[in-house]
Amino acid sequence: NAASFKELKKRLIHYKKNGIKMPNSFVEKYKQFVKIE
């Protein structure tokens, strides 16, 4: 899941930088991956 995690992280940074509300599903997937690490 390394590639999909890298892409997910890139999107979240983009959303945050442009003040766009991040989708909950993206946030949950990101938290889950961090927890695994």
Full PDB file with SEQRES, HELIX, SHEET, SSBOND, CRYST1, ORIGX, SCALE, CONECT and MASTER records, all heavy atoms in Angstrom:
SEQRES   1 A   37  ASN ALA ALA SER PHE LYS GLU LEU LYS LYS ARG LEU ILE          
SEQRES   2 A   37  HIS TYR LYS LYS ASN GLY ILE LYS MET PRO ASN SER PHE          
SEQRES   3 A   37  VAL GLU LYS TYR LYS GLN PHE VAL LYS ILE GLU                  
HELIX    1 AA1 ALA A    2  LYS A   17  1                                  16    
HELIX    2 AA2 ASN A   24  ILE A   36  1                                  13    
CRYST1    1.000    1.000    1.000  90.00  90.00  90.00 P 1           1          
ORIGX1      1.000000  0.000000  0.000000        0.00000                         
ORIGX2      0.000000  1.000000  0.000000        0.00000                         
ORIGX3      0.000000  0.000000  1.000000        0.00000                         
SCALE1      1.000000  0.000000  0.000000        0.00000                         
SCALE2      0.000000  1.000000  0.000000        0.00000                         
SCALE3      0.000000  0.000000  1.000000        0.00000                         
ATOM      1  N   ASN A   1       0.801  -1.223   0.000  1.00  0.00           N  
ATOM      2  CA  ASN A   1       0.000   0.000   0.000  1.00  0.00           C  
ATOM      3  C   ASN A   1       0.833   1.272   0.000  1.00  0.00           C  
ATOM      4  O   ASN A   1       0.306   2.366   0.224  1.00  0.00           O  
ATOM      5  CB  ASN A   1      -0.931   0.001   1.216  1.00  0.00           C  
ATOM      6  CG  ASN A   1      -1.958  -1.106   1.170  1.00  0.00           C  
ATOM      7  OD1 ASN A   1      -3.000  -0.971   0.527  1.00  0.00           O  
ATOM      8  ND2 ASN A   1      -1.657  -2.218   1.845  1.00  0.00           N  
ATOM      9  N   ALA A   2       2.140   1.135  -0.227  1.00  0.00           N  
ATOM     10  CA  ALA A   2       3.031   2.304  -0.164  1.00  0.00           C  
ATOM     11  C   ALA A   2       2.649   3.364  -1.193  1.00  0.00           C  
ATOM     12  O   ALA A   2       2.594   4.566  -0.889  1.00  0.00           O  
ATOM     13  CB  ALA A   2       4.474   1.856  -0.354  1.00  0.00           C  
ATOM     14  N   ALA A   3       2.378   2.945  -2.439  1.00  0.00           N  
ATOM     15  CA  ALA A   3       2.066   3.900  -3.515  1.00  0.00           C  
ATOM     16  C   ALA A   3       0.770   4.645  -3.227  1.00  0.00           C  
ATOM     17  O   ALA A   3       0.691   5.877  -3.360  1.00  0.00           O  
ATOM     18  CB  ALA A   3       1.977   3.153  -4.841  1.00  0.00           C  
ATOM     19  N   SER A   4      -0.283   3.893  -2.830  1.00  0.00           N  
ATOM     20  CA  SER A   4      -1.573   4.533  -2.549  1.00  0.00           C  
ATOM     21  C   SER A   4      -1.482   5.460  -1.338  1.00  0.00           C  
ATOM     22  O   SER A   4      -2.114   6.518  -1.293  1.00  0.00           O  
ATOM     23  CB  SER A   4      -2.652   3.472  -2.320  1.00  0.00           C  
ATOM     24  OG  SER A   4      -2.293   2.622  -1.252  1.00  0.00           O  
ATOM     25  N   PHE A   5      -0.638   5.085  -0.328  1.00  0.00           N  
ATOM     26  CA  PHE A   5      -0.456   5.947   0.840  1.00  0.00           C  
ATOM     27  C   PHE A   5       0.243   7.248   0.454  1.00  0.00           C  
ATOM     28  O   PHE A   5      -0.119   8.336   0.925  1.00  0.00           O  
ATOM     29  CB  PHE A   5       0.362   5.206   1.913  1.00  0.00           C  
ATOM     30  CG  PHE A   5       0.694   6.061   3.110  1.00  0.00           C  
ATOM     31  CD1 PHE A   5      -0.303   6.483   3.977  1.00  0.00           C  
ATOM     32  CD2 PHE A   5       2.004   6.468   3.339  1.00  0.00           C  
ATOM     33  CE1 PHE A   5       0.005   7.278   5.071  1.00  0.00           C  
ATOM     34  CE2 PHE A   5       2.305   7.258   4.426  1.00  0.00           C  
ATOM     35  CZ  PHE A   5       1.307   7.668   5.296  1.00  0.00           C  
ATOM     36  N   LYS A   6       1.238   7.142  -0.464  1.00  0.00           N  
ATOM     37  CA  LYS A   6       1.971   8.328  -0.926  1.00  0.00           C  
ATOM     38  C   LYS A   6       1.029   9.286  -1.662  1.00  0.00           C  
ATOM     39  O   LYS A   6       1.059  10.508  -1.465  1.00  0.00           O  
ATOM     40  CB  LYS A   6       3.121   7.893  -1.835  1.00  0.00           C  
ATOM     41  CG  LYS A   6       4.056   9.011  -2.231  1.00  0.00           C  
ATOM     42  CD  LYS A   6       5.214   8.446  -3.042  1.00  0.00           C  
ATOM     43  CE  LYS A   6       6.162   9.573  -3.443  1.00  0.00           C  
ATOM     44  NZ  LYS A   6       7.293   9.062  -4.279  1.00  0.00           N  
ATOM     45  N   GLU A   7       0.158   8.714  -2.489  1.00  0.00           N  
ATOM     46  CA  GLU A   7      -0.817   9.523  -3.230  1.00  0.00           C  
ATOM     47  C   GLU A   7      -1.834  10.153  -2.277  1.00  0.00           C  
ATOM     48  O   GLU A   7      -2.195  11.335  -2.421  1.00  0.00           O  
ATOM     49  CB  GLU A   7      -1.535   8.629  -4.256  1.00  0.00           C  
ATOM     50  CG  GLU A   7      -2.592   9.333  -5.088  1.00  0.00           C  
ATOM     51  CD  GLU A   7      -2.020  10.446  -5.947  1.00  0.00           C  
ATOM     52  OE1 GLU A   7      -0.828  10.375  -6.325  1.00  0.00           O  
ATOM     53  OE2 GLU A   7      -2.764  11.408  -6.245  1.00  0.00           O  
ATOM     54  N   LEU A   8      -2.282   9.392  -1.286  1.00  0.00           N  
ATOM     55  CA  LEU A   8      -3.242   9.886  -0.303  1.00  0.00           C  
ATOM     56  C   LEU A   8      -2.656  11.041   0.497  1.00  0.00           C  
ATOM     57  O   LEU A   8      -3.304  12.079   0.723  1.00  0.00           O  
ATOM     58  CB  LEU A   8      -3.646   8.747   0.635  1.00  0.00           C  
ATOM     59  CG  LEU A   8      -4.640   9.078   1.758  1.00  0.00           C  
ATOM     60  CD1 LEU A   8      -5.964   9.557   1.192  1.00  0.00           C  
ATOM     61  CD2 LEU A   8      -4.853   7.857   2.644  1.00  0.00           C  
ATOM     62  N   LYS A   9      -1.420  10.883   0.895  1.00  0.00           N  
ATOM     63  CA  LYS A   9      -0.735  11.920   1.671  1.00  0.00           C  
ATOM     64  C   LYS A   9      -0.611  13.202   0.848  1.00  0.00           C  
ATOM     65  O   LYS A   9      -0.798  14.321   1.348  1.00  0.00           O  
ATOM     66  CB  LYS A   9       0.640  11.407   2.106  1.00  0.00           C  
ATOM     67  CG  LYS A   9       1.354  12.302   3.092  1.00  0.00           C  
ATOM     68  CD  LYS A   9       2.652  11.647   3.559  1.00  0.00           C  
ATOM     69  CE  LYS A   9       3.357  12.537   4.562  1.00  0.00           C  
ATOM     70  NZ  LYS A   9       4.637  11.939   4.998  1.00  0.00           N  
ATOM     71  N   LYS A  10      -0.282  13.040  -0.453  1.00  0.00           N  
ATOM     72  CA  LYS A  10      -0.115  14.176  -1.373  1.00  0.00           C  
ATOM     73  C   LYS A  10      -1.438  14.950  -1.496  1.00  0.00           C  
ATOM     74  O   LYS A  10      -1.473  16.180  -1.476  1.00  0.00           O  
ATOM     75  CB  LYS A  10       0.333  13.637  -2.729  1.00  0.00           C  
ATOM     76  CG  LYS A  10       0.691  14.698  -3.748  1.00  0.00           C  
ATOM     77  CD  LYS A  10       1.182  14.015  -5.025  1.00  0.00           C  
ATOM     78  CE  LYS A  10       1.477  15.073  -6.094  1.00  0.00           C  
ATOM     79  NZ  LYS A  10       1.935  14.428  -7.360  1.00  0.00           N  
ATOM     80  N   ARG A  11      -2.568  14.203  -1.598  1.00  0.00           N  
ATOM     81  CA  ARG A  11      -3.875  14.842  -1.714  1.00  0.00           C  
ATOM     82  C   ARG A  11      -4.251  15.605  -0.444  1.00  0.00           C  
ATOM     83  O   ARG A  11      -4.780  16.720  -0.509  1.00  0.00           O  
ATOM     84  CB  ARG A  11      -4.937  13.777  -2.002  1.00  0.00           C  
ATOM     85  CG  ARG A  11      -4.903  13.233  -3.409  1.00  0.00           C  
ATOM     86  CD  ARG A  11      -6.114  12.369  -3.641  1.00  0.00           C  
ATOM     87  NE  ARG A  11      -6.099  11.791  -4.962  1.00  0.00           N  
ATOM     88  CZ  ARG A  11      -7.128  11.089  -5.476  1.00  0.00           C  
ATOM     89  NH1 ARG A  11      -8.222  10.905  -4.734  1.00  0.00           N  
ATOM     90  NH2 ARG A  11      -7.040  10.587  -6.686  1.00  0.00           N  
ATOM     91  N   LEU A  12      -3.983  15.007   0.684  1.00  0.00           N  
ATOM     92  CA  LEU A  12      -4.328  15.652   1.958  1.00  0.00           C  
ATOM     93  C   LEU A  12      -3.554  16.959   2.141  1.00  0.00           C  
ATOM     94  O   LEU A  12      -4.086  17.951   2.658  1.00  0.00           O  
ATOM     95  CB  LEU A  12      -4.066  14.697   3.133  1.00  0.00           C  
ATOM     96  CG  LEU A  12      -5.011  13.487   3.236  1.00  0.00           C  
ATOM     97  CD1 LEU A  12      -4.570  12.557   4.370  1.00  0.00           C  
ATOM     98  CD2 LEU A  12      -6.459  13.947   3.482  1.00  0.00           C  
ATOM     99  N   ILE A  13      -2.280  16.969   1.736  1.00  0.00           N  
ATOM    100  CA  ILE A  13      -1.470  18.192   1.816  1.00  0.00           C  
ATOM    101  C   ILE A  13      -2.071  19.267   0.902  1.00  0.00           C  
ATOM    102  O   ILE A  13      -2.160  20.456   1.256  1.00  0.00           O  
ATOM    103  CB  ILE A  13      -0.008  17.899   1.431  1.00  0.00           C  
ATOM    104  CG1 ILE A  13       0.650  17.006   2.507  1.00  0.00           C  
ATOM    105  CG2 ILE A  13       0.782  19.185   1.264  1.00  0.00           C  
ATOM    106  CD1 ILE A  13       1.999  16.455   2.110  1.00  0.00           C  
ATOM    107  N   HIS A  14      -2.514  18.836  -0.277  1.00  0.00           N  
ATOM    108  CA  HIS A  14      -3.136  19.768  -1.234  1.00  0.00           C  
ATOM    109  C   HIS A  14      -4.410  20.368  -0.646  1.00  0.00           C  
ATOM    110  O   HIS A  14      -4.639  21.597  -0.725  1.00  0.00           O  
ATOM    111  CB  HIS A  14      -3.437  19.029  -2.543  1.00  0.00           C  
ATOM    112  CG  HIS A  14      -4.248  19.834  -3.511  1.00  0.00           C  
ATOM    113  ND1 HIS A  14      -3.709  20.887  -4.227  1.00  0.00           N  
ATOM    114  CD2 HIS A  14      -5.567  19.738  -3.860  1.00  0.00           C  
ATOM    115  CE1 HIS A  14      -4.672  21.430  -4.980  1.00  0.00           C  
ATOM    116  NE2 HIS A  14      -5.812  20.721  -4.788  1.00  0.00           N  
ATOM    117  N   TYR A  15      -5.272  19.502  -0.054  1.00  0.00           N  
ATOM    118  CA  TYR A  15      -6.511  20.004   0.521  1.00  0.00           C  
ATOM    119  C   TYR A  15      -6.247  21.019   1.637  1.00  0.00           C  
ATOM    120  O   TYR A  15      -6.887  22.062   1.739  1.00  0.00           O  
ATOM    121  CB  TYR A  15      -7.330  18.839   1.091  1.00  0.00           C  
ATOM    122  CG  TYR A  15      -7.992  17.956   0.046  1.00  0.00           C  
ATOM    123  CD1 TYR A  15      -8.087  16.581   0.226  1.00  0.00           C  
ATOM    124  CD2 TYR A  15      -8.525  18.516  -1.126  1.00  0.00           C  
ATOM    125  CE1 TYR A  15      -8.691  15.768  -0.728  1.00  0.00           C  
ATOM    126  CE2 TYR A  15      -9.122  17.709  -2.086  1.00  0.00           C  
ATOM    127  CZ  TYR A  15      -9.199  16.347  -1.889  1.00  0.00           C  
ATOM    128  OH  TYR A  15      -9.790  15.553  -2.824  1.00  0.00           O  
ATOM    129  N   LYS A  16      -5.285  20.675   2.475  1.00  0.00           N  
ATOM    130  CA  LYS A  16      -4.973  21.544   3.614  1.00  0.00           C  
ATOM    131  C   LYS A  16      -4.421  22.886   3.159  1.00  0.00           C  
ATOM    132  O   LYS A  16      -4.766  23.947   3.682  1.00  0.00           O  
ATOM    133  CB  LYS A  16      -3.974  20.830   4.541  1.00  0.00           C  
ATOM    134  CG  LYS A  16      -3.746  21.546   5.855  1.00  0.00           C  
ATOM    135  CD  LYS A  16      -2.865  20.718   6.766  1.00  0.00           C  
ATOM    136  CE  LYS A  16      -2.694  21.400   8.108  1.00  0.00           C  
ATOM    137  NZ  LYS A  16      -1.825  20.618   9.008  1.00  0.00           N  
ATOM    138  N   LYS A  17      -3.549  22.838   2.143  1.00  0.00           N  
ATOM    139  CA  LYS A  17      -2.907  24.056   1.622  1.00  0.00           C  
ATOM    140  C   LYS A  17      -3.934  25.006   0.999  1.00  0.00           C  
ATOM    141  O   LYS A  17      -3.817  26.236   1.093  1.00  0.00           O  
ATOM    142  CB  LYS A  17      -1.856  23.654   0.589  1.00  0.00           C  
ATOM    143  CG  LYS A  17      -0.998  24.800   0.081  1.00  0.00           C  
ATOM    144  CD  LYS A  17       0.064  24.265  -0.863  1.00  0.00           C  
ATOM    145  CE  LYS A  17       0.940  25.419  -1.373  1.00  0.00           C  
ATOM    146  NZ  LYS A  17       1.973  24.909  -2.313  1.00  0.00           N  
ATOM    147  N   ASN A  18      -4.975  24.458   0.365  1.00  0.00           N  
ATOM    148  CA  ASN A  18      -5.975  25.269  -0.329  1.00  0.00           C  
ATOM    149  C   ASN A  18      -7.242  25.489   0.495  1.00  0.00           C  
ATOM    150  O   ASN A  18      -8.234  26.020  -0.023  1.00  0.00           O  
ATOM    151  CB  ASN A  18      -6.336  24.611  -1.668  1.00  0.00           C  
ATOM    152  CG  ASN A  18      -5.171  24.637  -2.648  1.00  0.00           C  
ATOM    153  OD1 ASN A  18      -4.884  25.659  -3.255  1.00  0.00           O  
ATOM    154  ND2 ASN A  18      -4.488  23.499  -2.777  1.00  0.00           N  
ATOM    155  N   GLY A  19      -7.198  25.076   1.765  1.00  0.00           N  
ATOM    156  CA  GLY A  19      -8.326  25.329   2.658  1.00  0.00           C  
ATOM    157  C   GLY A  19      -9.560  24.548   2.324  1.00  0.00           C  
ATOM    158  O   GLY A  19     -10.683  24.975   2.628  1.00  0.00           O  
ATOM    159  N   ILE A  20      -9.373  23.421   1.663  1.00  0.00           N  
ATOM    160  CA  ILE A  20     -10.514  22.573   1.294  1.00  0.00           C  
ATOM    161  C   ILE A  20     -10.720  21.521   2.383  1.00  0.00           C  
ATOM    162  O   ILE A  20      -9.759  20.920   2.869  1.00  0.00           O  
ATOM    163  CB  ILE A  20     -10.259  21.878  -0.069  1.00  0.00           C  
ATOM    164  CG1 ILE A  20      -9.994  22.930  -1.153  1.00  0.00           C  
ATOM    165  CG2 ILE A  20     -11.432  20.989  -0.450  1.00  0.00           C  
ATOM    166  CD1 ILE A  20      -9.497  22.335  -2.457  1.00  0.00           C  
ATOM    167  N   LYS A  21     -11.992  21.320   2.725  1.00  0.00           N  
ATOM    168  CA  LYS A  21     -12.298  20.315   3.746  1.00  0.00           C  
ATOM    169  C   LYS A  21     -11.941  18.928   3.229  1.00  0.00           C  
ATOM    170  O   LYS A  21     -12.365  18.530   2.145  1.00  0.00           O  
ATOM    171  CB  LYS A  21     -13.780  20.355   4.102  1.00  0.00           C  
ATOM    172  CG  LYS A  21     -14.133  19.400   5.240  1.00  0.00           C  
ATOM    173  CD  LYS A  21     -15.605  19.471   5.589  1.00  0.00           C  
ATOM    174  CE  LYS A  21     -15.927  18.489   6.698  1.00  0.00           C  
ATOM    175  NZ  LYS A  21     -17.362  18.491   7.026  1.00  0.00           N  
ATOM    176  N   MET A  22     -11.167  18.210   4.038  1.00  0.00           N  
ATOM    177  CA  MET A  22     -10.702  16.877   3.633  1.00  0.00           C  
ATOM    178  C   MET A  22     -11.820  15.850   3.818  1.00  0.00           C  
ATOM    179  O   MET A  22     -12.482  15.847   4.866  1.00  0.00           O  
ATOM    180  CB  MET A  22      -9.478  16.475   4.451  1.00  0.00           C  
ATOM    181  CG  MET A  22      -8.252  17.322   4.166  1.00  0.00           C  
ATOM    182  SD  MET A  22      -6.833  16.853   5.171  1.00  0.00           S  
ATOM    183  CE  MET A  22      -7.223  17.711   6.693  1.00  0.00           C  
ATOM    184  N   PRO A  23     -12.020  14.977   2.839  1.00  0.00           N  
ATOM    185  CA  PRO A  23     -13.042  13.915   2.988  1.00  0.00           C  
ATOM    186  C   PRO A  23     -12.718  13.008   4.175  1.00  0.00           C  
ATOM    187  O   PRO A  23     -11.551  12.634   4.381  1.00  0.00           O  
ATOM    188  CB  PRO A  23     -12.946  13.149   1.664  1.00  0.00           C  
ATOM    189  CG  PRO A  23     -12.289  14.089   0.715  1.00  0.00           C  
ATOM    190  CD  PRO A  23     -11.373  14.936   1.527  1.00  0.00           C  
ATOM    191  N   ASN A  24     -13.726  12.645   4.944  1.00  0.00           N  
ATOM    192  CA  ASN A  24     -13.523  11.800   6.128  1.00  0.00           C  
ATOM    193  C   ASN A  24     -12.915  10.447   5.778  1.00  0.00           C  
ATOM    194  O   ASN A  24     -12.121   9.884   6.528  1.00  0.00           O  
ATOM    195  CB  ASN A  24     -14.852  11.583   6.852  1.00  0.00           C  
ATOM    196  CG  ASN A  24     -15.305  12.827   7.585  1.00  0.00           C  
ATOM    197  OD1 ASN A  24     -14.479  13.678   7.920  1.00  0.00           O  
ATOM    198  ND2 ASN A  24     -16.603  12.961   7.799  1.00  0.00           N  
ATOM    199  N   SER A  25     -13.305   9.906   4.648  1.00  0.00           N  
ATOM    200  CA  SER A  25     -12.778   8.597   4.239  1.00  0.00           C  
ATOM    201  C   SER A  25     -11.273   8.659   4.016  1.00  0.00           C  
ATOM    202  O   SER A  25     -10.540   7.733   4.367  1.00  0.00           O  
ATOM    203  CB  SER A  25     -13.473   8.117   2.972  1.00  0.00           C  
ATOM    204  OG  SER A  25     -13.270   9.036   1.912  1.00  0.00           O  
ATOM    205  N   PHE A  26     -10.775   9.813   3.456  1.00  0.00           N  
ATOM    206  CA  PHE A  26      -9.335   9.991   3.251  1.00  0.00           C  
ATOM    207  C   PHE A  26      -8.611  10.072   4.590  1.00  0.00           C  
ATOM    208  O   PHE A  26      -7.548   9.479   4.778  1.00  0.00           O  
ATOM    209  CB  PHE A  26      -9.073  11.264   2.431  1.00  0.00           C  
ATOM    210  CG  PHE A  26      -9.336  11.101   0.948  1.00  0.00           C  
ATOM    211  CD1 PHE A  26     -10.078  10.038   0.453  1.00  0.00           C  
ATOM    212  CD2 PHE A  26      -8.821  12.033   0.041  1.00  0.00           C  
ATOM    213  CE1 PHE A  26     -10.325   9.889  -0.905  1.00  0.00           C  
ATOM    214  CE2 PHE A  26      -9.060  11.892  -1.319  1.00  0.00           C  
ATOM    215  CZ  PHE A  26      -9.809  10.822  -1.794  1.00  0.00           C  
ATOM    216  N   VAL A  27      -9.200  10.855   5.488  1.00  0.00           N  
ATOM    217  CA  VAL A  27      -8.575  11.052   6.816  1.00  0.00           C  
ATOM    218  C   VAL A  27      -8.480   9.725   7.561  1.00  0.00           C  
ATOM    219  O   VAL A  27      -7.453   9.400   8.164  1.00  0.00           O  
ATOM    220  CB  VAL A  27      -9.377  12.083   7.649  1.00  0.00           C  
ATOM    221  CG1 VAL A  27      -8.813  12.168   9.074  1.00  0.00           C  
ATOM    222  CG2 VAL A  27      -9.337  13.447   6.990  1.00  0.00           C  
ATOM    223  N   GLU A  28      -9.567   8.932   7.545  1.00  0.00           N  
ATOM    224  CA  GLU A  28      -9.581   7.652   8.244  1.00  0.00           C  
ATOM    225  C   GLU A  28      -8.546   6.685   7.679  1.00  0.00           C  
ATOM    226  O   GLU A  28      -7.854   5.974   8.418  1.00  0.00           O  
ATOM    227  CB  GLU A  28     -10.971   7.016   8.166  1.00  0.00           C  
ATOM    228  CG  GLU A  28     -12.018   7.699   9.023  1.00  0.00           C  
ATOM    229  CD  GLU A  28     -11.633   7.718  10.492  1.00  0.00           C  
ATOM    230  OE1 GLU A  28     -11.148   6.678  11.007  1.00  0.00           O  
ATOM    231  OE2 GLU A  28     -11.789   8.770  11.131  1.00  0.00           O  
ATOM    232  N   LYS A  29      -8.440   6.647   6.308  1.00  0.00           N  
ATOM    233  CA  LYS A  29      -7.442   5.776   5.678  1.00  0.00           C  
ATOM    234  C   LYS A  29      -6.031   6.197   6.055  1.00  0.00           C  
ATOM    235  O   LYS A  29      -5.156   5.355   6.297  1.00  0.00           O  
ATOM    236  CB  LYS A  29      -7.604   5.819   4.156  1.00  0.00           C  
ATOM    237  CG  LYS A  29      -8.769   5.000   3.642  1.00  0.00           C  
ATOM    238  CD  LYS A  29      -8.853   5.049   2.131  1.00  0.00           C  
ATOM    239  CE  LYS A  29     -10.033   4.225   1.615  1.00  0.00           C  
ATOM    240  NZ  LYS A  29     -10.128   4.283   0.144  1.00  0.00           N  
ATOM    241  N   TYR A  30      -5.795   7.494   6.122  1.00  0.00           N  
ATOM    242  CA  TYR A  30      -4.471   8.016   6.480  1.00  0.00           C  
ATOM    243  C   TYR A  30      -4.122   7.618   7.930  1.00  0.00           C  
ATOM    244  O   TYR A  30      -3.023   7.138   8.219  1.00  0.00           O  
ATOM    245  CB  TYR A  30      -4.456   9.541   6.333  1.00  0.00           C  
ATOM    246  CG  TYR A  30      -3.129  10.160   6.724  1.00  0.00           C  
ATOM    247  CD1 TYR A  30      -2.033  10.104   5.865  1.00  0.00           C  
ATOM    248  CD2 TYR A  30      -2.972  10.779   7.960  1.00  0.00           C  
ATOM    249  CE1 TYR A  30      -0.818  10.657   6.226  1.00  0.00           C  
ATOM    250  CE2 TYR A  30      -1.762  11.326   8.339  1.00  0.00           C  
ATOM    251  CZ  TYR A  30      -0.687  11.273   7.460  1.00  0.00           C  
ATOM    252  OH  TYR A  30       0.511  11.813   7.826  1.00  0.00           O  
ATOM    253  N   LYS A  31      -5.094   7.806   8.829  1.00  0.00           N  
ATOM    254  CA  LYS A  31      -4.871   7.464  10.240  1.00  0.00           C  
ATOM    255  C   LYS A  31      -4.596   5.961  10.393  1.00  0.00           C  
ATOM    256  O   LYS A  31      -3.753   5.546  11.190  1.00  0.00           O  
ATOM    257  CB  LYS A  31      -6.098   7.843  11.075  1.00  0.00           C  
ATOM    258  CG  LYS A  31      -6.223   9.335  11.329  1.00  0.00           C  
ATOM    259  CD  LYS A  31      -7.438   9.615  12.207  1.00  0.00           C  
ATOM    260  CE  LYS A  31      -7.548  11.101  12.530  1.00  0.00           C  
ATOM    261  NZ  LYS A  31      -8.753  11.393  13.332  1.00  0.00           N  
ATOM    262  N   GLN A  32      -5.336   5.172   9.622  1.00  0.00           N  
ATOM    263  CA  GLN A  32      -5.163   3.718   9.698  1.00  0.00           C  
ATOM    264  C   GLN A  32      -3.763   3.300   9.258  1.00  0.00           C  
ATOM    265  O   GLN A  32      -3.125   2.447   9.879  1.00  0.00           O  
ATOM    266  CB  GLN A  32      -6.214   3.041   8.815  1.00  0.00           C  
ATOM    267  CG  GLN A  32      -6.249   1.524   8.970  1.00  0.00           C  
ATOM    268  CD  GLN A  32      -7.334   0.890   8.124  1.00  0.00           C  
ATOM    269  OE1 GLN A  32      -7.927   1.540   7.261  1.00  0.00           O  
ATOM    270  NE2 GLN A  32      -7.590  -0.372   8.354  1.00  0.00           N  
ATOM    271  N   PHE A  33      -3.259   3.934   8.202  1.00  0.00           N  
ATOM    272  CA  PHE A  33      -1.922   3.610   7.704  1.00  0.00           C  
ATOM    273  C   PHE A  33      -0.849   4.031   8.701  1.00  0.00           C  
ATOM    274  O   PHE A  33       0.106   3.300   8.958  1.00  0.00           O  
ATOM    275  CB  PHE A  33      -1.690   4.300   6.345  1.00  0.00           C  
ATOM    276  CG  PHE A  33      -0.616   3.655   5.533  1.00  0.00           C  
ATOM    277  CD1 PHE A  33      -0.917   2.623   4.637  1.00  0.00           C  
ATOM    278  CD2 PHE A  33       0.714   4.030   5.669  1.00  0.00           C  
ATOM    279  CE1 PHE A  33       0.086   2.002   3.899  1.00  0.00           C  
ATOM    280  CE2 PHE A  33       1.718   3.414   4.939  1.00  0.00           C  
ATOM    281  CZ  PHE A  33       1.401   2.398   4.037  1.00  0.00           C  
ATOM    282  N   VAL A  34      -1.020   5.219   9.281  1.00  0.00           N  
ATOM    283  CA  VAL A  34      -0.067   5.697  10.302  1.00  0.00           C  
ATOM    284  C   VAL A  34      -0.047   4.749  11.500  1.00  0.00           C  
ATOM    285  O   VAL A  34       1.011   4.454  12.066  1.00  0.00           O  
ATOM    286  CB  VAL A  34      -0.427   7.136  10.743  1.00  0.00           C  
ATOM    287  CG1 VAL A  34       0.391   7.533  11.969  1.00  0.00           C  
ATOM    288  CG2 VAL A  34      -0.186   8.123   9.612  1.00  0.00           C  
ATOM    289  N   LYS A  35      -1.229   4.271  11.869  1.00  0.00           N  
ATOM    290  CA  LYS A  35      -1.338   3.337  12.998  1.00  0.00           C  
ATOM    291  C   LYS A  35      -0.572   2.048  12.712  1.00  0.00           C  
ATOM    292  O   LYS A  35       0.102   1.494  13.587  1.00  0.00           O  
ATOM    293  CB  LYS A  35      -2.816   3.039  13.259  1.00  0.00           C  
ATOM    294  CG  LYS A  35      -3.077   2.241  14.522  1.00  0.00           C  
ATOM    295  CD  LYS A  35      -4.560   2.066  14.740  1.00  0.00           C  
ATOM    296  CE  LYS A  35      -4.822   1.254  16.000  1.00  0.00           C  
ATOM    297  NZ  LYS A  35      -6.285   1.056  16.222  1.00  0.00           N  
ATOM    298  N   ILE A  36      -0.677   1.561  11.449  1.00  0.00           N  
ATOM    299  CA  ILE A  36       0.050   0.343  11.057  1.00  0.00           C  
ATOM    300  C   ILE A  36       1.553   0.565  11.160  1.00  0.00           C  
ATOM    301  O   ILE A  36       2.301  -0.287  11.648  1.00  0.00           O  
ATOM    302  CB  ILE A  36      -0.350  -0.072   9.633  1.00  0.00           C  
ATOM    303  CG1 ILE A  36      -1.801  -0.594   9.619  1.00  0.00           C  
ATOM    304  CG2 ILE A  36       0.589  -1.149   9.086  1.00  0.00           C  
ATOM    305  CD1 ILE A  36      -2.363  -0.833   8.240  1.00  0.00           C  
ATOM    306  N   GLU A  37       2.023   1.734  10.710  1.00  0.00           N  
ATOM    307  CA  GLU A  37       3.458   2.055  10.771  1.00  0.00           C  
ATOM    308  C   GLU A  37       3.957   2.094  12.218  1.00  0.00           C  
ATOM    309  O   GLU A  37       5.034   1.575  12.530  1.00  0.00           O  
ATOM    310  CB  GLU A  37       3.715   3.402  10.092  1.00  0.00           C  
ATOM    311  CG  GLU A  37       3.703   3.337   8.575  1.00  0.00           C  
ATOM    312  CD  GLU A  37       4.129   4.642   7.928  1.00  0.00           C  
ATOM    313  OE1 GLU A  37       3.727   5.710   8.449  1.00  0.00           O  
ATOM    314  OE2 GLU A  37       4.865   4.599   6.930  1.00  0.00           O  
TER     315      GLU A  37                                                      
MASTER        0    0    0    2    0    0    0    6  314    1    0    3          
END                                                                             
